[in-house]
Amino acid sequence: MNNVSNGHCPVQFMFKKQYKNLYIGHMHCAALGSVPVVVLVLEGGHMTLNTAYQAIKTETPVLVLAGSGRAADFIACAYEKPLVTSIS
């Protein structure tokens, strides 16, 4: 999704603009009505982490492909090995 040539990510910016119109896991489509939405994380960078975080905040499902690299692997690792909050 990211096109980092010349420091720009135009596809991701267009997606984020459209994403802001989503509400709790559904998008309205004139022809189909309410359509389920899921965020798919394959590889990615810091902007992908932010997109996944925003999806989680709105209860939109996030599907992460572990082993695809970078942000996806970071999220998968954090999910599989949660932070220990107390020391014995």
PDB file of N, CA and C in Angstrom:
ATOM      1  N   MET A   1       0.820  -1.186   0.000  1.00  0.00           N
ATOM      2  CA  MET A   1       0.000   0.000   0.000  1.00  0.00           C
ATOM      3  C   MET A   1       0.864   1.249   0.000  1.00  0.00           C
ATOM      4  N   ASN A   2       2.042   1.183   0.583  1.00  0.00           N
ATOM      5  CA  ASN A   2       2.899   2.360   0.638  1.00  0.00           C
ATOM      6  C   ASN A   2       3.738   2.481  -0.613  1.00  0.00           C
ATOM      7  N   ASN A   3       3.786   3.685  -1.173  1.00  0.00           N
ATOM      8  CA  ASN A   3       4.705   3.981  -2.260  1.00  0.00           C
ATOM      9  C   ASN A   3       5.644   5.040  -1.700  1.00  0.00           C
ATOM     10  N   VAL A   4       6.792   4.593  -1.210  1.00  0.00           N
ATOM     11  CA  VAL A   4       7.672   5.508  -0.498  1.00  0.00           C
ATOM     12  C   VAL A   4       8.652   6.239  -1.402  1.00  0.00           C
ATOM     13  N   SER A   5       8.508   6.111  -2.711  1.00  0.00           N
ATOM     14  CA  SER A   5       9.384   6.866  -3.597  1.00  0.00           C
ATOM     15  C   SER A   5       9.117   8.352  -3.418  1.00  0.00           C
ATOM     16  N   ASN A   6      10.148   9.131  -3.357  1.00  0.00           N
ATOM     17  CA  ASN A   6      10.071  10.583  -3.136  1.00  0.00           C
ATOM     18  C   ASN A   6       9.429  10.953  -1.797  1.00  0.00           C
ATOM     19  N   GLY A   7       9.410  10.011  -0.848  1.00  0.00           N
ATOM     20  CA  GLY A   7       8.873  10.305   0.477  1.00  0.00           C
ATOM     21  C   GLY A   7       7.369  10.434   0.536  1.00  0.00           C
ATOM     22  N   HIS A   8       6.638  10.001  -0.488  1.00  0.00           N
ATOM     23  CA  HIS A   8       5.182  10.136  -0.517  1.00  0.00           C
ATOM     24  C   HIS A   8       4.515   8.768  -0.467  1.00  0.00           C
ATOM     25  N   CYS A   9       3.326   8.713   0.088  1.00  0.00           N
ATOM     26  CA  CYS A   9       2.536   7.489   0.139  1.00  0.00           C
ATOM     27  C   CYS A   9       1.130   7.799  -0.366  1.00  0.00           C
ATOM     28  N   PRO A  10       0.953   8.153  -1.648  1.00  0.00           N
ATOM     29  CA  PRO A  10      -0.347   8.624  -2.140  1.00  0.00           C
ATOM     30  C   PRO A  10      -1.464   7.600  -2.016  1.00  0.00           C
ATOM     31  N   VAL A  11      -1.175   6.320  -2.231  1.00  0.00           N
ATOM     32  CA  VAL A  11      -2.223   5.309  -2.146  1.00  0.00           C
ATOM     33  C   VAL A  11      -2.730   5.199  -0.717  1.00  0.00           C
ATOM     34  N   GLN A  12      -1.817   5.201   0.237  1.00  0.00           N
ATOM     35  CA  GLN A  12      -2.234   5.090   1.629  1.00  0.00           C
ATOM     36  C   GLN A  12      -3.020   6.324   2.059  1.00  0.00           C
ATOM     37  N   PHE A  13      -2.649   7.511   1.598  1.00  0.00           N
ATOM     38  CA  PHE A  13      -3.388   8.714   1.969  1.00  0.00           C
ATOM     39  C   PHE A  13      -4.810   8.657   1.429  1.00  0.00           C
ATOM     40  N   MET A  14      -4.986   8.168   0.181  1.00  0.00           N
ATOM     41  CA  MET A  14      -6.327   8.029  -0.381  1.00  0.00           C
ATOM     42  C   MET A  14      -7.128   7.031   0.440  1.00  0.00           C
ATOM     43  N   PHE A  15      -6.485   5.913   0.807  1.00  0.00           N
ATOM     44  CA  PHE A  15      -7.155   4.900   1.613  1.00  0.00           C
ATOM     45  C   PHE A  15      -7.583   5.475   2.958  1.00  0.00           C
ATOM     46  N   LYS A  16      -6.677   6.216   3.610  1.00  0.00           N
ATOM     47  CA  LYS A  16      -7.004   6.783   4.914  1.00  0.00           C
ATOM     48  C   LYS A  16      -8.172   7.764   4.822  1.00  0.00           C
ATOM     49  N   LYS A  17      -8.235   8.530   3.728  1.00  0.00           N
ATOM     50  CA  LYS A  17      -9.346   9.458   3.542  1.00  0.00           C
ATOM     51  C   LYS A  17     -10.655   8.683   3.445  1.00  0.00           C
ATOM     52  N   GLN A  18     -10.659   7.592   2.679  1.00  0.00           N
ATOM     53  CA  GLN A  18     -11.853   6.768   2.563  1.00  0.00           C
ATOM     54  C   GLN A  18     -12.139   6.041   3.866  1.00  0.00           C
ATOM     55  N   TYR A  19     -11.083   5.614   4.568  1.00  0.00           N
ATOM     56  CA  TYR A  19     -11.222   4.862   5.812  1.00  0.00           C
ATOM     57  C   TYR A  19     -11.938   5.678   6.882  1.00  0.00           C
ATOM     58  N   LYS A  20     -11.732   6.995   6.879  1.00  0.00           N
ATOM     59  CA  LYS A  20     -12.376   7.842   7.881  1.00  0.00           C
ATOM     60  C   LYS A  20     -13.893   7.791   7.772  1.00  0.00           C
ATOM     61  N   ASN A  21     -14.423   7.366   6.623  1.00  0.00           N
ATOM     62  CA  ASN A  21     -15.862   7.260   6.443  1.00  0.00           C
ATOM     63  C   ASN A  21     -16.425   5.942   6.976  1.00  0.00           C
ATOM     64  N   LEU A  22     -15.564   5.043   7.425  1.00  0.00           N
ATOM     65  CA  LEU A  22     -16.016   3.760   7.949  1.00  0.00           C
ATOM     66  C   LEU A  22     -16.548   3.920   9.373  1.00  0.00           C
ATOM     67  N   TYR A  23     -17.415   3.041   9.759  1.00  0.00           N
ATOM     68  CA  TYR A  23     -17.898   3.055  11.130  1.00  0.00           C
ATOM     69  C   TYR A  23     -18.065   1.623  11.616  1.00  0.00           C
ATOM     70  N   ILE A  24     -17.419   1.305  12.719  1.00  0.00           N
ATOM     71  CA  ILE A  24     -17.465   0.016  13.399  1.00  0.00           C
ATOM     72  C   ILE A  24     -17.588  -1.183  12.462  1.00  0.00           C
ATOM     73  N   GLY A  25     -16.604  -1.350  11.607  1.00  0.00           N
ATOM     74  CA  GLY A  25     -16.510  -2.562  10.812  1.00  0.00           C
ATOM     75  C   GLY A  25     -17.420  -2.645   9.602  1.00  0.00           C
ATOM     76  N   HIS A  26     -18.093  -1.567   9.232  1.00  0.00           N
ATOM     77  CA  HIS A  26     -18.961  -1.596   8.054  1.00  0.00           C
ATOM     78  C   HIS A  26     -18.779  -0.331   7.234  1.00  0.00           C
ATOM     79  N   MET A  27     -18.994  -0.434   5.958  1.00  0.00           N
ATOM     80  CA  MET A  27     -18.931   0.697   5.052  1.00  0.00           C
ATOM     81  C   MET A  27     -20.251   0.703   4.290  1.00  0.00           C
ATOM     82  N   HIS A  28     -20.804   1.868   4.048  1.00  0.00           N
ATOM     83  CA  HIS A  28     -22.063   1.935   3.327  1.00  0.00           C
ATOM     84  C   HIS A  28     -21.784   2.002   1.829  1.00  0.00           C
ATOM     85  N   CYS A  29     -22.442   1.130   1.091  1.00  0.00           N
ATOM     86  CA  CYS A  29     -22.339   1.106  -0.364  1.00  0.00           C
ATOM     87  C   CYS A  29     -23.744   1.266  -0.914  1.00  0.00           C
ATOM     88  N   ALA A  30     -23.956   2.240  -1.781  1.00  0.00           N
ATOM     89  CA  ALA A  30     -25.296   2.522  -2.297  1.00  0.00           C
ATOM     90  C   ALA A  30     -25.944   1.284  -2.913  1.00  0.00           C
ATOM     91  N   ALA A  31     -25.178   0.484  -3.637  1.00  0.00           N
ATOM     92  CA  ALA A  31     -25.744  -0.676  -4.320  1.00  0.00           C
ATOM     93  C   ALA A  31     -25.965  -1.866  -3.388  1.00  0.00           C
ATOM     94  N   LEU A  32     -25.114  -2.002  -2.365  1.00  0.00           N
ATOM     95  CA  LEU A  32     -25.159  -3.192  -1.515  1.00  0.00           C
ATOM     96  C   LEU A  32     -25.632  -2.935  -0.095  1.00  0.00           C
ATOM     97  N   GLY A  33     -25.727  -1.697   0.307  1.00  0.00           N
ATOM     98  CA  GLY A  33     -26.068  -1.395   1.694  1.00  0.00           C
ATOM     99  C   GLY A  33     -24.819  -1.440   2.550  1.00  0.00           C
ATOM    100  N   SER A  34     -24.909  -2.030   3.718  1.00  0.00           N
ATOM    101  CA  SER A  34     -23.785  -2.104   4.647  1.00  0.00           C
ATOM    102  C   SER A  34     -22.873  -3.276   4.267  1.00  0.00           C
ATOM    103  N   VAL A  35     -21.591  -2.989   4.067  1.00  0.00           N
ATOM    104  CA  VAL A  35     -20.624  -3.997   3.644  1.00  0.00           C
ATOM    105  C   VAL A  35     -19.591  -4.178   4.753  1.00  0.00           C
ATOM    106  N   PRO A  36     -19.351  -5.422   5.199  1.00  0.00           N
ATOM    107  CA  PRO A  36     -18.329  -5.640   6.231  1.00  0.00           C
ATOM    108  C   PRO A  36     -16.951  -5.185   5.758  1.00  0.00           C
ATOM    109  N   VAL A  37     -16.148  -4.673   6.687  1.00  0.00           N
ATOM    110  CA  VAL A  37     -14.810  -4.180   6.378  1.00  0.00           C
ATOM    111  C   VAL A  37     -13.822  -4.851   7.312  1.00  0.00           C
ATOM    112  N   VAL A  38     -12.646  -5.173   6.778  1.00  0.00           N
ATOM    113  CA  VAL A  38     -11.558  -5.705   7.585  1.00  0.00           C
ATOM    114  C   VAL A  38     -10.268  -5.040   7.108  1.00  0.00           C
ATOM    115  N   VAL A  39      -9.356  -4.774   8.036  1.00  0.00           N
ATOM    116  CA  VAL A  39      -8.046  -4.223   7.682  1.00  0.00           C
ATOM    117  C   VAL A  39      -7.077  -5.394   7.596  1.00  0.00           C
ATOM    118  N   LEU A  40      -6.384  -5.491   6.473  1.00  0.00           N
ATOM    119  CA  LEU A  40      -5.417  -6.551   6.244  1.00  0.00           C
ATOM    120  C   LEU A  40      -4.011  -5.973   6.358  1.00  0.00           C
ATOM    121  N   VAL A  41      -3.192  -6.550   7.248  1.00  0.00           N
ATOM    122  CA  VAL A  41      -1.830  -6.060   7.457  1.00  0.00           C
ATOM    123  C   VAL A  41      -0.852  -7.079   6.889  1.00  0.00           C
ATOM    124  N   LEU A  42      -0.176  -6.670   5.815  1.00  0.00           N
ATOM    125  CA  LEU A  42       0.887  -7.453   5.186  1.00  0.00           C
ATOM    126  C   LEU A  42       2.120  -6.567   5.152  1.00  0.00           C
ATOM    127  N   GLU A  43       3.151  -6.957   5.870  1.00  0.00           N
ATOM    128  CA  GLU A  43       4.378  -6.164   5.962  1.00  0.00           C
ATOM    129  C   GLU A  43       4.046  -4.793   6.511  1.00  0.00           C
ATOM    130  N   GLY A  44       4.371  -3.709   5.859  1.00  0.00           N
ATOM    131  CA  GLY A  44       4.009  -2.363   6.303  1.00  0.00           C
ATOM    132  C   GLY A  44       5.042  -1.715   7.194  1.00  0.00           C
ATOM    133  N   GLY A  45       4.790  -0.455   7.506  1.00  0.00           N
ATOM    134  CA  GLY A  45       5.686   0.336   8.343  1.00  0.00           C
ATOM    135  C   GLY A  45       4.926   1.050   9.442  1.00  0.00           C
ATOM    136  N   HIS A  46       5.464   2.194   9.890  1.00  0.00           N
ATOM    137  CA  HIS A  46       4.850   2.890  11.024  1.00  0.00           C
ATOM    138  C   HIS A  46       3.452   3.410  10.691  1.00  0.00           C
ATOM    139  N   MET A  47       3.196   3.766   9.442  1.00  0.00           N
ATOM    140  CA  MET A  47       1.854   4.223   9.079  1.00  0.00           C
ATOM    141  C   MET A  47       0.857   3.066   9.116  1.00  0.00           C
ATOM    142  N   THR A  48       1.322   1.876   8.800  1.00  0.00           N
ATOM    143  CA  THR A  48       0.473   0.685   8.883  1.00  0.00           C
ATOM    144  C   THR A  48       0.112   0.398  10.329  1.00  0.00           C
ATOM    145  N   LEU A  49       1.070   0.591  11.240  1.00  0.00           N
ATOM    146  CA  LEU A  49       0.776   0.413  12.669  1.00  0.00           C
ATOM    147  C   LEU A  49      -0.320   1.378  13.111  1.00  0.00           C
ATOM    148  N   ASN A  50      -0.248   2.618  12.650  1.00  0.00           N
ATOM    149  CA  ASN A  50      -1.262   3.608  12.997  1.00  0.00           C
ATOM    150  C   ASN A  50      -2.627   3.230  12.413  1.00  0.00           C
ATOM    151  N   THR A  51      -2.645   2.776  11.174  1.00  0.00           N
ATOM    152  CA  THR A  51      -3.905   2.359  10.548  1.00  0.00           C
ATOM    153  C   THR A  51      -4.536   1.196  11.307  1.00  0.00           C
ATOM    154  N   ALA A  52      -3.724   0.213  11.689  1.00  0.00           N
ATOM    155  CA  ALA A  52      -4.232  -0.929  12.456  1.00  0.00           C
ATOM    156  C   ALA A  52      -4.755  -0.465  13.815  1.00  0.00           C
ATOM    157  N   TYR A  53      -4.049   0.450  14.455  1.00  0.00           N
ATOM    158  CA  TYR A  53      -4.481   0.985  15.753  1.00  0.00           C
ATOM    159  C   TYR A  53      -5.827   1.700  15.627  1.00  0.00           C
ATOM    160  N   GLN A  54      -5.978   2.527  14.592  1.00  0.00           N
ATOM    161  CA  GLN A  54      -7.246   3.240  14.380  1.00  0.00           C
ATOM    162  C   GLN A  54      -8.381   2.246  14.129  1.00  0.00           C
ATOM    163  N   ALA A  55      -8.103   1.177  13.397  1.00  0.00           N
ATOM    164  CA  ALA A  55      -9.121   0.153  13.139  1.00  0.00           C
ATOM    165  C   ALA A  55      -9.557  -0.509  14.436  1.00  0.00           C
ATOM    166  N   ILE A  56      -8.601  -0.853  15.271  1.00  0.00           N
ATOM    167  CA  ILE A  56      -8.908  -1.504  16.546  1.00  0.00           C
ATOM    168  C   ILE A  56      -9.749  -0.582  17.429  1.00  0.00           C
ATOM    169  N   LYS A  57      -9.418   0.710  17.428  1.00  0.00           N
ATOM    170  CA  LYS A  57     -10.191   1.674  18.230  1.00  0.00           C
ATOM    171  C   LYS A  57     -11.659   1.730  17.804  1.00  0.00           C
ATOM    172  N   THR A  58     -11.952   1.492  16.528  1.00  0.00           N
ATOM    173  CA  THR A  58     -13.331   1.534  16.048  1.00  0.00           C
ATOM    174  C   THR A  58     -13.946   0.137  15.948  1.00  0.00           C
ATOM    175  N   GLU A  59     -13.279  -0.844  16.548  1.00  0.00           N
ATOM    176  CA  GLU A  59     -13.741  -2.233  16.571  1.00  0.00           C
ATOM    177  C   GLU A  59     -13.830  -2.847  15.178  1.00  0.00           C
ATOM    178  N   THR A  60     -13.010  -2.344  14.255  1.00  0.00           N
ATOM    179  CA  THR A  60     -12.915  -2.929  12.926  1.00  0.00           C
ATOM    180  C   THR A  60     -11.926  -4.090  12.995  1.00  0.00           C
ATOM    181  N   PRO A  61     -12.293  -5.268  12.502  1.00  0.00           N
ATOM    182  CA  PRO A  61     -11.368  -6.411  12.559  1.00  0.00           C
ATOM    183  C   PRO A  61     -10.074  -6.132  11.806  1.00  0.00           C
ATOM    184  N   VAL A  62      -8.974  -6.632  12.383  1.00  0.00           N
ATOM    185  CA  VAL A  62      -7.648  -6.490  11.764  1.00  0.00           C
ATOM    186  C   VAL A  62      -7.079  -7.897  11.578  1.00  0.00           C
ATOM    187  N   LEU A  63      -6.748  -8.237  10.351  1.00  0.00           N
ATOM    188  CA  LEU A  63      -6.151  -9.522  10.021  1.00  0.00           C
ATOM    189  C   LEU A  63      -4.684  -9.289   9.710  1.00  0.00           C
ATOM    190  N   VAL A  64      -3.804  -9.944  10.486  1.00  0.00           N
ATOM    191  CA  VAL A  64      -2.362  -9.746  10.358  1.00  0.00           C
ATOM    192  C   VAL A  64      -1.727 -11.019   9.813  1.00  0.00           C
ATOM    193  N   LEU A  65      -0.957 -10.890   8.745  1.00  0.00           N
ATOM    194  CA  LEU A  65      -0.262 -12.035   8.175  1.00  0.00           C
ATOM    195  C   LEU A  65       1.150 -12.099   8.768  1.00  0.00           C
ATOM    196  N   ALA A  66       1.293 -12.913   9.811  1.00  0.00           N
ATOM    197  CA  ALA A  66       2.595 -13.086  10.457  1.00  0.00           C
ATOM    198  C   ALA A  66       3.572 -13.700   9.460  1.00  0.00           C
ATOM    199  N   GLY A  67       4.803 -13.229   9.502  1.00  0.00           N
ATOM    200  CA  GLY A  67       5.831 -13.734   8.604  1.00  0.00           C
ATOM    201  C   GLY A  67       5.972 -12.914   7.335  1.00  0.00           C
ATOM    202  N   SER A  68       5.089 -11.916   7.147  1.00  0.00           N
ATOM    203  CA  SER A  68       5.190 -11.094   5.938  1.00  0.00           C
ATOM    204  C   SER A  68       6.156  -9.926   6.129  1.00  0.00           C
ATOM    205  N   GLY A  69       6.630  -9.735   7.365  1.00  0.00           N
ATOM    206  CA  GLY A  69       7.658  -8.727   7.617  1.00  0.00           C
ATOM    207  C   GLY A  69       7.178  -7.508   8.371  1.00  0.00           C
ATOM    208  N   ARG A  70       8.128  -6.734   8.841  1.00  0.00           N
ATOM    209  CA  ARG A  70       7.992  -5.426   9.471  1.00  0.00           C
ATOM    210  C   ARG A  70       6.793  -5.275  10.409  1.00  0.00           C
ATOM    211  N   ALA A  71       5.865  -4.379  10.088  1.00  0.00           N
ATOM    212  CA  ALA A  71       4.759  -4.060  10.989  1.00  0.00           C
ATOM    213  C   ALA A  71       3.898  -5.292  11.292  1.00  0.00           C
ATOM    214  N   ALA A  72       3.657  -6.118  10.289  1.00  0.00           N
ATOM    215  CA  ALA A  72       2.846  -7.316  10.497  1.00  0.00           C
ATOM    216  C   ALA A  72       3.506  -8.242  11.512  1.00  0.00           C
ATOM    217  N   ASP A  73       4.805  -8.437  11.396  1.00  0.00           N
ATOM    218  CA  ASP A  73       5.517  -9.291  12.345  1.00  0.00           C
ATOM    219  C   ASP A  73       5.552  -8.677  13.737  1.00  0.00           C
ATOM    220  N   PHE A  74       5.683  -7.365  13.818  1.00  0.00           N
ATOM    221  CA  PHE A  74       5.677  -6.668  15.104  1.00  0.00           C
ATOM    222  C   PHE A  74       4.338  -6.876  15.816  1.00  0.00           C
ATOM    223  N   ILE A  75       3.239  -6.694  15.096  1.00  0.00           N
ATOM    224  CA  ILE A  75       1.904  -6.876  15.686  1.00  0.00           C
ATOM    225  C   ILE A  75       1.697  -8.334  16.091  1.00  0.00           C
ATOM    226  N   ALA A  76       2.089  -9.268  15.216  1.00  0.00           N
ATOM    227  CA  ALA A  76       1.925 -10.689  15.516  1.00  0.00           C
ATOM    228  C   ALA A  76       2.713 -11.089  16.753  1.00  0.00           C
ATOM    229  N   CYS A  77       3.930 -10.604  16.869  1.00  0.00           N
ATOM    230  CA  CYS A  77       4.765 -10.906  18.033  1.00  0.00           C
ATOM    231  C   CYS A  77       4.147 -10.337  19.303  1.00  0.00           C
ATOM    232  N   ALA A  78       3.654  -9.104  19.242  1.00  0.00           N
ATOM    233  CA  ALA A  78       3.030  -8.476  20.407  1.00  0.00           C
ATOM    234  C   ALA A  78       1.770  -9.225  20.822  1.00  0.00           C
ATOM    235  N   TYR A  79       1.036  -9.739  19.864  1.00  0.00           N
ATOM    236  CA  TYR A  79      -0.183 -10.491  20.159  1.00  0.00           C
ATOM    237  C   TYR A  79       0.149 -11.829  20.803  1.00  0.00           C
ATOM    238  N   GLU A  80       1.180 -12.506  20.280  1.00  0.00           N
ATOM    239  CA  GLU A  80       1.549 -13.826  20.781  1.00  0.00           C
ATOM    240  C   GLU A  80       2.282 -13.771  22.118  1.00  0.00           C
ATOM    241  N   LYS A  81       3.006 -12.679  22.370  1.00  0.00           N
ATOM    242  CA  LYS A  81       3.797 -12.549  23.592  1.00  0.00           C
ATOM    243  C   LYS A  81       3.456 -11.230  24.267  1.00  0.00           C
ATOM    244  N   PRO A  82       2.316 -11.196  24.974  1.00  0.00           N
ATOM    245  CA  PRO A  82       1.921  -9.927  25.597  1.00  0.00           C
ATOM    246  C   PRO A  82       2.927  -9.455  26.655  1.00  0.00           C
ATOM    247  N   LEU A  83       2.947  -8.162  26.878  1.00  0.00           N
ATOM    248  CA  LEU A  83       3.833  -7.533  27.838  1.00  0.00           C
ATOM    249  C   LEU A  83       3.505  -7.999  29.250  1.00  0.00           C
ATOM    250  N   VAL A  84       4.523  -8.354  30.013  1.00  0.00           N
ATOM    251  CA  VAL A  84       4.329  -8.731  31.414  1.00  0.00           C
ATOM    252  C   VAL A  84       4.234  -7.423  32.215  1.00  0.00           C
ATOM    253  N   THR A  85       3.168  -7.280  33.002  1.00  0.00           N
ATOM    254  CA  THR A  85       2.954  -6.024  33.718  1.00  0.00           C
ATOM    255  C   THR A  85       3.388  -6.064  35.176  1.00  0.00           C
ATOM    256  N   SER A  86       3.729  -7.234  35.692  1.00  0.00           N
ATOM    257  CA  SER A  86       4.182  -7.304  37.092  1.00  0.00           C
ATOM    258  C   SER A  86       5.412  -8.202  37.198  1.00  0.00           C
ATOM    259  N   ILE A  87       6.250  -7.879  38.161  1.00  0.00           N
ATOM    260  CA  ILE A  87       7.462  -8.655  38.395  1.00  0.00           C
ATOM    261  C   ILE A  87       7.315  -9.357  39.732  1.00  0.00           C
ATOM    262  N   SER A  88       7.559 -10.662  39.744  1.00  0.00           N
ATOM    263  CA  SER A  88       7.416 -11.442  40.980  1.00  0.00           C
ATOM    264  C   SER A  88       8.673 -11.380  41.820  1.00  0.00           C
TER     265      SER A  88
END
